[in-house]
C-alpha atoms as a PDB file:
ATOM      1  CA  MET A   1      49.509 216.095  92.430  1.00  0.00           C
ATOM      2  CA  VAL A   2      46.894 213.349  92.768  1.00  0.00           C
ATOM      3  CA  VAL A   3      43.377 214.702  93.303  1.00  0.00           C
ATOM      4  CA  GLY A   4      40.570 212.387  94.394  1.00  0.00           C
ATOM      5  CA  ILE A   5      37.015 213.357  93.458  1.00  0.00           C
ATOM      6  CA  THR A   6      34.381 211.457  95.431  1.00  0.00           C
ATOM      7  CA  GLY A   7      30.765 211.849  96.478  1.00  0.00           C
ATOM      8  CA  PRO A   8      27.297 210.317  96.081  1.00  0.00           C
ATOM      9  CA  PRO A   9      25.904 209.195  92.700  1.00  0.00           C
ATOM     10  CA  GLY A  10      24.509 212.032  90.631  1.00  0.00           C
ATOM     11  CA  ALA A  11      26.594 214.727  92.327  1.00  0.00           C
ATOM     12  CA  GLY A  12      28.174 215.733  89.002  1.00  0.00           C
ATOM     13  CA  LYS A  13      31.648 214.335  89.594  1.00  0.00           C
ATOM     14  CA  SER A  14      32.355 213.520  85.933  1.00  0.00           C
ATOM     15  CA  THR A  15      31.272 216.967  84.779  1.00  0.00           C
ATOM     16  CA  LEU A  16      33.407 218.580  87.476  1.00  0.00           C
ATOM     17  CA  VAL A  17      36.441 216.494  86.465  1.00  0.00           C
ATOM     18  CA  ASP A  18      35.896 217.456  82.824  1.00  0.00           C
ATOM     19  CA  GLN A  19      35.827 221.169  83.686  1.00  0.00           C
ATOM     20  CA  LEU A  20      38.884 220.921  85.947  1.00  0.00           C
ATOM     21  CA  ALA A  21      40.797 219.266  83.097  1.00  0.00           C
ATOM     22  CA  LYS A  22      39.863 222.153  80.789  1.00  0.00           C
ATOM     23  CA  ILE A  23      41.204 224.718  83.279  1.00  0.00           C
ATOM     24  CA  LEU A  24      44.415 222.743  83.786  1.00  0.00           C
ATOM     25  CA  ARG A  25      44.948 222.514  80.030  1.00  0.00           C
ATOM     26  CA  ARG A  26      44.540 226.293  79.729  1.00  0.00           C
ATOM     27  CA  GLN A  27      47.384 226.469  82.264  1.00  0.00           C
ATOM     28  CA  HIS A  28      49.405 224.209  79.929  1.00  0.00           C
ATOM     29  CA  LYS A  29      49.432 221.337  82.426  1.00  0.00           C
ATOM     30  CA  THR A  30      49.077 217.725  81.351  1.00  0.00           C
ATOM     31  CA  VAL A  31      46.359 215.637  82.962  1.00  0.00           C
ATOM     32  CA  GLY A  32      45.722 211.966  83.611  1.00  0.00           C
ATOM     33  CA  ILE A  33      42.146 211.016  84.514  1.00  0.00           C
ATOM     34  CA  ILE A  34      41.181 207.701  86.121  1.00  0.00           C
ATOM     35  CA  ALA A  35      37.415 207.191  86.066  1.00  0.00           C
ATOM     36  CA  VAL A  36      36.253 204.243  88.179  1.00  0.00           C
ATOM     37  CA  ASP A  37      32.926 202.591  87.362  1.00  0.00           C
ATOM     38  CA  PRO A  38      31.102 199.966  89.433  1.00  0.00           C
ATOM     39  CA  SER A  39      31.002 196.397  88.172  1.00  0.00           C
ATOM     40  CA  SER A  40      27.729 194.480  88.118  1.00  0.00           C
ATOM     41  CA  PRO A  41      27.578 191.937  90.955  1.00  0.00           C
ATOM     42  CA  TYR A  42      25.770 189.584  88.556  1.00  0.00           C
ATOM     43  CA  THR A  43      27.489 189.882  85.163  1.00  0.00           C
ATOM     44  CA  ARG A  44      30.783 191.375  86.447  1.00  0.00           C
ATOM     45  CA  GLY A  45      30.541 193.845  83.568  1.00  0.00           C
ATOM     46  CA  ALA A  46      30.865 197.636  83.719  1.00  0.00           C
ATOM     47  CA  ILE A  47      29.634 200.369  81.388  1.00  0.00           C
ATOM     48  CA  LEU A  48      32.786 202.510  81.707  1.00  0.00           C
ATOM     49  CA  GLY A  49      30.774 205.458  80.466  1.00  0.00           C
ATOM     50  CA  ASP A  50      32.284 208.341  82.414  1.00  0.00           C
ATOM     51  CA  ARG A  51      34.565 209.275  79.527  1.00  0.00           C
ATOM     52  CA  ILE A  52      31.463 209.995  77.417  1.00  0.00           C
ATOM     53  CA  ARG A  53      31.097 213.182  79.470  1.00  0.00           C
ATOM     54  CA  MET A  54      34.672 214.148  78.591  1.00  0.00           C
ATOM     55  CA  LEU A  55      34.507 214.054  74.797  1.00  0.00           C
ATOM     56  CA  ASP A  56      36.050 217.518  74.496  1.00  0.00           C
ATOM     57  CA  HIS A  57      39.409 215.931  75.350  1.00  0.00           C
ATOM     58  CA  HIS A  58      39.305 213.041  72.876  1.00  0.00           C
ATOM     59  CA  ASP A  59      41.861 214.609  70.508  1.00  0.00           C
ATOM     60  CA  ASP A  60      44.001 216.347  73.151  1.00  0.00           C
ATOM     61  CA  PRO A  61      47.313 214.529  73.749  1.00  0.00           C
ATOM     62  CA  GLY A  62      47.659 216.467  77.014  1.00  0.00           C
ATOM     63  CA  VAL A  63      44.701 214.597  78.535  1.00  0.00           C
ATOM     64  CA  PHE A  64      44.593 210.826  78.948  1.00  0.00           C
ATOM     65  CA  VAL A  65      41.361 209.304  80.250  1.00  0.00           C
ATOM     66  CA  ARG A  66      41.440 205.752  81.594  1.00  0.00           C
ATOM     67  CA  SER A  67      38.237 204.041  82.688  1.00  0.00           C
ATOM     68  CA  MET A  68      38.493 201.229  85.219  1.00  0.00           C
ATOM     69  CA  ALA A  69      35.983 198.775  86.685  1.00  0.00           C
ATOM     70  CA  THR A  70      35.890 198.010  90.401  1.00  0.00           C
ATOM     71  CA  ARG A  71      35.540 194.269  89.668  1.00  0.00           C
ATOM     72  CA  GLY A  72      33.753 193.772  92.951  1.00  0.00           C
ATOM     73  CA  ARG A  73      36.240 195.675  95.092  1.00  0.00           C
ATOM     74  CA  LEU A  74      34.731 197.845  97.797  1.00  0.00           C
ATOM     75  CA  GLY A  75      36.028 201.260  98.747  1.00  0.00           C
ATOM     76  CA  GLY A  76      35.026 203.244  95.655  1.00  0.00           C
ATOM     77  CA  ILE A  77      38.131 202.487  93.564  1.00  0.00           C
ATOM     78  CA  ALA A  78      39.632 199.612  91.587  1.00  0.00           C
ATOM     79  CA  ARG A  79      42.499 197.405  92.753  1.00  0.00           C
ATOM     80  CA  THR A  80      44.958 198.816  90.228  1.00  0.00           C
ATOM     81  CA  THR A  81      44.009 202.488  90.662  1.00  0.00           C
ATOM     82  CA  LEU A  82      47.186 203.227  92.612  1.00  0.00           C
ATOM     83  CA  GLU A  83      49.379 201.532  90.005  1.00  0.00           C
ATOM     84  CA  MET A  84      47.676 203.501  87.231  1.00  0.00           C
ATOM     85  CA  SER A  85      48.255 206.795  89.053  1.00  0.00           C
ATOM     86  CA  MET A  86      51.923 205.853  89.483  1.00  0.00           C
ATOM     87  CA  LEU A  87      52.111 205.129  85.758  1.00  0.00           C
ATOM     88  CA  PHE A  88      50.682 208.572  84.959  1.00  0.00           C
ATOM     89  CA  ASP A  89      53.281 210.069  87.303  1.00  0.00           C
ATOM     90  CA  ALA A  90      56.082 208.167  85.563  1.00  0.00           C
ATOM     91  CA  ALA A  91      54.714 209.353  82.210  1.00  0.00           C
ATOM     92  CA  GLY A  92      55.152 212.947  83.341  1.00  0.00           C
ATOM     93  CA  ARG A  93      51.539 214.000  83.856  1.00  0.00           C
ATOM     94  CA  ASP A  94      51.385 217.128  85.992  1.00  0.00           C
ATOM     95  CA  VAL A  95      48.058 216.297  87.624  1.00  0.00           C
ATOM     96  CA  VAL A  96      46.252 212.990  88.114  1.00  0.00           C
ATOM     97  CA  ILE A  97      42.516 213.125  88.850  1.00  0.00           C
ATOM     98  CA  ILE A  98      40.808 210.020  90.235  1.00  0.00           C
ATOM     99  CA  GLU A  99      37.021 209.947  90.043  1.00  0.00           C
ATOM    100  CA  THR A 100      35.563 207.285  92.318  1.00  0.00           C
ATOM    101  CA  VAL A 101      32.295 205.444  91.845  1.00  0.00           C
ATOM    102  CA  GLY A 102      29.263 207.023  93.500  1.00  0.00           C
ATOM    103  CA  VAL A 103      29.935 206.399  97.166  1.00  0.00           C
ATOM    104  CA  GLY A 104      27.951 206.268 100.387  1.00  0.00           C
ATOM    105  CA  GLN A 105      29.363 206.628 103.870  1.00  0.00           C
ATOM    106  CA  ASP A 106      32.343 204.287 104.049  1.00  0.00           C
ATOM    107  CA  GLU A 107      33.768 203.921 100.530  1.00  0.00           C
ATOM    108  CA  ILE A 108      36.716 206.114 101.440  1.00  0.00           C
ATOM    109  CA  GLU A 109      39.807 204.322 100.118  1.00  0.00           C
ATOM    110  CA  ILE A 110      40.485 207.287  97.858  1.00  0.00           C
ATOM    111  CA  ALA A 111      41.714 209.222 100.911  1.00  0.00           C
ATOM    112  CA  SER A 112      44.724 206.926 101.236  1.00  0.00           C
ATOM    113  CA  LEU A 113      45.676 207.283  97.559  1.00  0.00           C
ATOM    114  CA  ALA A 114      45.059 210.959  96.787  1.00  0.00           C
ATOM    115  CA  ASP A 115      47.107 213.940  97.934  1.00  0.00           C
ATOM    116  CA  ILE A 116      43.897 215.982  98.104  1.00  0.00           C
ATOM    117  CA  THR A 117      40.403 214.493  98.466  1.00  0.00           C
ATOM    118  CA  VAL A 118      37.478 216.579  97.237  1.00  0.00           C
ATOM    119  CA  VAL A 119      34.018 215.493  98.400  1.00  0.00           C
ATOM    120  CA  VAL A 120      31.347 216.652  95.950  1.00  0.00           C
ATOM    121  CA  LEU A 121      27.833 217.141  97.333  1.00  0.00           C
ATOM    122  CA  VAL A 122      24.636 218.542  95.885  1.00  0.00           C
ATOM    123  CA  PRO A 123      21.558 220.076  97.506  1.00  0.00           C
ATOM    124  CA  GLY A 124      18.248 218.296  97.442  1.00  0.00           C
ATOM    125  CA  PHE A 125      19.455 214.750  98.164  1.00  0.00           C
ATOM    126  CA  GLY A 126      16.905 214.224 100.906  1.00  0.00           C
ATOM    127  CA  ASP A 127      18.610 214.007 104.272  1.00  0.00           C
ATOM    128  CA  ASP A 128      21.819 215.853 103.438  1.00  0.00           C
ATOM    129  CA  VAL A 129      23.402 215.223 106.833  1.00  0.00           C
ATOM    130  CA  GLN A 130      22.870 211.484 106.372  1.00  0.00           C
ATOM    131  CA  ALA A 131      24.683 211.691 103.045  1.00  0.00           C
ATOM    132  CA  ILE A 132      27.790 213.345 104.445  1.00  0.00           C
ATOM    133  CA  LYS A 133      28.250 211.893 107.917  1.00  0.00           C
ATOM    134  CA  ALA A 134      30.610 209.133 109.054  1.00  0.00           C
ATOM    135  CA  GLY A 135      33.753 208.407 107.060  1.00  0.00           C
ATOM    136  CA  ILE A 136      33.110 210.477 103.962  1.00  0.00           C
ATOM    137  CA  MET A 137      32.774 213.613 106.093  1.00  0.00           C
ATOM    138  CA  GLU A 138      36.091 212.994 107.791  1.00  0.00           C
ATOM    139  CA  VAL A 139      38.215 212.224 104.721  1.00  0.00           C
ATOM    140  CA  ALA A 140      37.372 215.473 102.927  1.00  0.00           C
ATOM    141  CA  ASP A 141      40.225 217.913 102.452  1.00  0.00           C
ATOM    142  CA  LEU A 142      37.796 220.135 100.590  1.00  0.00           C
ATOM    143  CA  PHE A 143      34.019 220.211 100.126  1.00  0.00           C
ATOM    144  CA  ALA A 144      32.532 221.234  96.787  1.00  0.00           C
ATOM    145  CA  ILE A 145      28.814 221.980  96.741  1.00  0.00           C
ATOM    146  CA  ASN A 146      27.930 221.389  93.104  1.00  0.00           C
ATOM    147  CA  LYS A 147      24.732 222.634  91.445  1.00  0.00           C
ATOM    148  CA  SER A 148      24.840 225.409  94.020  1.00  0.00           C
ATOM    149  CA  ASP A 149      22.406 227.446  91.938  1.00  0.00           C
ATOM    150  CA  LEU A 150      19.646 225.063  93.038  1.00  0.00           C
ATOM    151  CA  PRO A 151      17.435 225.569  96.113  1.00  0.00           C
ATOM    152  CA  GLY A 152      18.867 224.005  99.241  1.00  0.00           C
ATOM    153  CA  ALA A 153      22.513 225.004  98.745  1.00  0.00           C
ATOM    154  CA  ASP A 154      22.399 227.359 101.748  1.00  0.00           C
ATOM    155  CA  LYS A 155      20.906 224.631 103.938  1.00  0.00           C
ATOM    156  CA  LEU A 156      23.544 222.108 102.858  1.00  0.00           C
ATOM    157  CA  GLU A 157      26.380 224.546 103.587  1.00  0.00           C
ATOM    158  CA  GLN A 158      24.936 225.311 107.020  1.00  0.00           C
ATOM    159  CA  GLU A 159      24.729 221.597 107.826  1.00  0.00           C
ATOM    160  CA  ILE A 160      28.356 221.019 106.811  1.00  0.00           C
ATOM    161  CA  ARG A 161      29.476 223.979 108.922  1.00  0.00           C
ATOM    162  CA  ALA A 162      27.410 222.714 111.853  1.00  0.00           C
ATOM    163  CA  MET A 163      28.957 219.259 111.679  1.00  0.00           C
ATOM    164  CA  GLN A 164      32.459 220.734 111.472  1.00  0.00           C
ATOM    165  CA  SER A 165      31.752 222.773 114.606  1.00  0.00           C
ATOM    166  CA  LEU A 166      31.127 219.575 116.588  1.00  0.00           C
ATOM    167  CA  GLY A 167      34.754 218.442 116.363  1.00  0.00           C
ATOM    168  CA  SER A 168      37.662 219.168 118.671  1.00  0.00           C
ATOM    169  CA  GLU A 169      39.290 222.599 118.689  1.00  0.00           C
ATOM    170  CA  ASP A 170      42.077 221.355 116.426  1.00  0.00           C
ATOM    171  CA  GLN A 171      39.535 219.851 114.025  1.00  0.00           C
ATOM    172  CA  ARG A 172      37.595 223.112 113.939  1.00  0.00           C
ATOM    173  CA  VAL A 173      40.726 225.144 113.212  1.00  0.00           C
ATOM    174  CA  ASN A 174      41.819 222.760 110.460  1.00  0.00           C
ATOM    175  CA  SER A 175      38.347 221.989 109.115  1.00  0.00           C
ATOM    176  CA  ALA A 176      38.040 221.394 105.390  1.00  0.00           C
ATOM    177  CA  PRO A 177      37.260 224.528 103.348  1.00  0.00           C
ATOM    178  CA  LEU A 178      34.052 224.646 101.349  1.00  0.00           C
ATOM    179  CA  ARG A 179      33.397 226.070  97.906  1.00  0.00           C
ATOM    180  CA  ARG A 180      30.219 226.405  95.839  1.00  0.00           C
ATOM    181  CA  VAL A 181      30.447 225.480  92.183  1.00  0.00           C
ATOM    182  CA  VAL A 182      28.263 224.864  89.148  1.00  0.00           C
ATOM    183  CA  ALA A 183      30.167 222.279  87.130  1.00  0.00           C
ATOM    184  CA  ALA A 184      27.762 222.469  84.190  1.00  0.00           C
ATOM    185  CA  ASP A 185      28.911 225.971  83.274  1.00  0.00           C
ATOM    186  CA  GLY A 186      32.259 226.035  85.096  1.00  0.00           C
ATOM    187  CA  SER A 187      31.251 228.585  87.716  1.00  0.00           C
ATOM    188  CA  GLY A 188      33.547 228.606  90.732  1.00  0.00           C
ATOM    189  CA  LEU A 189      35.877 225.903  89.428  1.00  0.00           C
ATOM    190  CA  GLU A 190      38.927 228.130  88.978  1.00  0.00           C
ATOM    191  CA  ASP A 191      38.624 229.124  92.626  1.00  0.00           C
ATOM    192  CA  LEU A 192      38.158 225.446  93.569  1.00  0.00           C
ATOM    193  CA  LEU A 193      41.345 224.513  91.717  1.00  0.00           C
ATOM    194  CA  THR A 194      43.232 227.342  93.432  1.00  0.00           C
ATOM    195  CA  VAL A 195      42.196 225.980  96.843  1.00  0.00           C
ATOM    196  CA  ILE A 196      43.256 222.466  95.791  1.00  0.00           C
ATOM    197  CA  GLU A 197      46.696 223.749  94.783  1.00  0.00           C
ATOM    198  CA  GLU A 198      47.040 225.718  98.034  1.00  0.00           C
ATOM    199  CA  LEU A 199      46.150 222.659 100.111  1.00  0.00           C
ATOM    200  CA  PHE A 200      48.635 220.567  98.133  1.00  0.00           C
ATOM    201  CA  ALA A 201      51.411 223.125  98.692  1.00  0.00           C
ATOM    202  CA  LYS A 202      50.635 223.151 102.417  1.00  0.00           C
ATOM    203  CA  ARG A 203      50.759 219.349 102.498  1.00  0.00           C
ATOM    204  CA  GLN A 204      54.166 219.454 100.848  1.00  0.00           C
ATOM    205  CA  ARG A 205      55.542 221.798 103.502  1.00  0.00           C
ATOM    206  CA  ARG A 206      54.208 219.575 106.285  1.00  0.00           C
ATOM    207  CA  SER A 207      55.912 216.497 104.843  1.00  0.00           C
ATOM    208  CA  ALA A 208      52.512 214.858 104.638  1.00  0.00           C
ATOM    209  CA  ARG A 209      53.612 213.001 101.527  1.00  0.00           C
ATOM    210  CA  THR A 210      55.417 210.569 103.843  1.00  0.00           C
ATOM    211  CA  GLU A 211      52.074 209.736 105.464  1.00  0.00           C
ATOM    212  CA  THR A 212      50.424 209.469 102.055  1.00  0.00           C
ATOM    213  CA  TRP A 213      53.059 207.058 100.784  1.00  0.00           C
ATOM    214  CA  ALA A 214      52.878 205.021 103.989  1.00  0.00           C
ATOM    215  CA  ALA A 215      49.167 204.499 103.257  1.00  0.00           C
ATOM    216  CA  ARG A 216      49.901 203.712  99.603  1.00  0.00           C
ATOM    217  CA  LEU A 217      52.596 201.178 100.509  1.00  0.00           C
ATOM    218  CA  ARG A 218      50.187 199.467 102.914  1.00  0.00           C
ATOM    219  CA  GLU A 219      47.671 199.267 100.079  1.00  0.00           C
ATOM    220  CA  MET A 220      50.256 197.840  97.689  1.00  0.00           C
ATOM    221  CA  LEU A 221      51.411 195.317 100.302  1.00  0.00           C
ATOM    222  CA  ARG A 222      47.864 194.154 100.958  1.00  0.00           C
ATOM    223  CA  ASP A 223      47.167 193.707  97.257  1.00  0.00           C
ATOM    224  CA  SER A 224      50.489 191.934  96.732  1.00  0.00           C
ATOM    225  CA  LEU A 225      49.795 189.502  99.569  1.00  0.00           C
ATOM    226  CA  MET A 226      46.291 188.761  98.313  1.00  0.00           C
ATOM    227  CA  THR A 227      47.618 188.178  94.804  1.00  0.00           C
ATOM    228  CA  SER A 228      50.318 185.834  96.139  1.00  0.00           C
ATOM    229  CA  LEU A 229      47.823 183.706  98.035  1.00  0.00           C
ATOM    230  CA  PRO A 230      46.296 180.968  95.844  1.00  0.00           C
ATOM    231  CA  GLU A 231      42.540 181.453  95.533  1.00  0.00           C
ATOM    232  CA  HIS A 232      41.850 177.736  95.981  1.00  0.00           C
ATOM    233  CA  GLU A 233      43.482 177.870  99.425  1.00  0.00           C
ATOM    234  CA  ILE A 234      41.146 180.672 100.523  1.00  0.00           C
ATOM    235  CA  VAL A 235      38.135 178.744  99.207  1.00  0.00           C
ATOM    236  CA  SER A 236      39.321 175.571 100.913  1.00  0.00           C
ATOM    237  CA  TYR A 237      39.584 177.220 104.315  1.00  0.00           C
ATOM    238  CA  ALA A 238      36.359 179.142 103.748  1.00  0.00           C
ATOM    239  CA  ARG A 239      34.609 175.819 103.198  1.00  0.00           C
ATOM    240  CA  ARG A 240      35.960 174.484 106.509  1.00  0.00           C
ATOM    241  CA  VAL A 241      34.954 177.608 108.417  1.00  0.00           C
ATOM    242  CA  ALA A 242      31.483 177.564 106.867  1.00  0.00           C
ATOM    243  CA  ALA A 243      31.091 173.925 107.949  1.00  0.00           C
ATOM    244  CA  LYS A 244      32.316 174.880 111.449  1.00  0.00           C
ATOM    245  CA  GLU A 245      35.172 172.440 111.135  1.00  0.00           C
ATOM    246  CA  GLU A 246      37.632 175.244 111.858  1.00  0.00           C
ATOM    247  CA  ASP A 247      37.465 178.672 113.441  1.00  0.00           C
ATOM    248  CA  PRO A 248      38.289 181.786 111.354  1.00  0.00           C
ATOM    249  CA  TYR A 249      41.371 182.700 113.411  1.00  0.00           C
ATOM    250  CA  THR A 250      42.983 179.315 112.867  1.00  0.00           C
ATOM    251  CA  ALA A 251      42.155 179.573 109.161  1.00  0.00           C
ATOM    252  CA  VAL A 252      43.781 183.003 108.872  1.00  0.00           C
ATOM    253  CA  ASP A 253      46.843 181.765 110.745  1.00  0.00           C
ATOM    254  CA  ALA A 254      47.132 178.813 108.343  1.00  0.00           C
ATOM    255  CA  LEU A 255      46.809 181.123 105.342  1.00  0.00           C
ATOM    256  CA  MET A 256      49.589 183.309 106.743  1.00  0.00           C
ATOM    257  CA  HIS A 257      51.826 180.247 106.954  1.00  0.00           C
ATOM    258  CA  ILE A 258      51.043 179.516 103.298  1.00  0.00           C
ATOM    259  CA  LEU A 259      52.054 183.092 102.416  1.00  0.00           C
ATOM    260  CA  ARG A 260      55.351 182.705 104.250  1.00  0.00           C
ATOM    261  CA  ASP A 261      56.101 179.546 102.276  1.00  0.00           C
ATOM    262  CA  CYS A 262      55.315 181.195  98.937  1.00  0.00           C
ATOM    263  CA  PRO A 263      58.468 181.743  96.846  1.00  0.00           C
END
């Protein structure tokens, strides 16, 4: 089971992941955690500090924490996140948790990689509806309102419910469940994990894993093609397009021909 944890910066994703890992370990399940950090657009460096919040697991062989930098990739995850989750699977980890970087409205690649996507939100982030609309609202399999002991939790829940009511009848019937949690002290997280497991079991019965792997294979194919294409060829055609010596469509067509000729 691959669980994606996403949401805006400061929502408490790392703390929530840490607490979920503790519950899973009490159930004698092994856990692989992939924590994705943003890379600086200037230095290309990354702090990779999410594991600092998970120090309780440093001597537990049943928990493996791997930090990864985005290295400029958009979408909230790193290029090799899928490969790392597959490696955890091959190593026999029962659950893989992927924590994305703090995302906005369209960094939603995690939805194509995870079996279950949990969107973590917190009250008091200004315009809450603005924070949850567009893509991030639609990819959620489950909403977790963290820090729900703070003022504004009721308002945030009402806004999520209101937005879910605007969809089609099928969307309303199958709308993502919502749970309130306080990750700092673990309140509500056992119930959250139960809902995650129930959603995963339902996905298994619906053969949704075929759809999930179709999305993963597309992702792997895209990365493989981009890796196969020499960078200097992209730069060369980019220079011609920038100088208006060639249109972008012709450039893309030429690059596709180069890919076909690659051994």
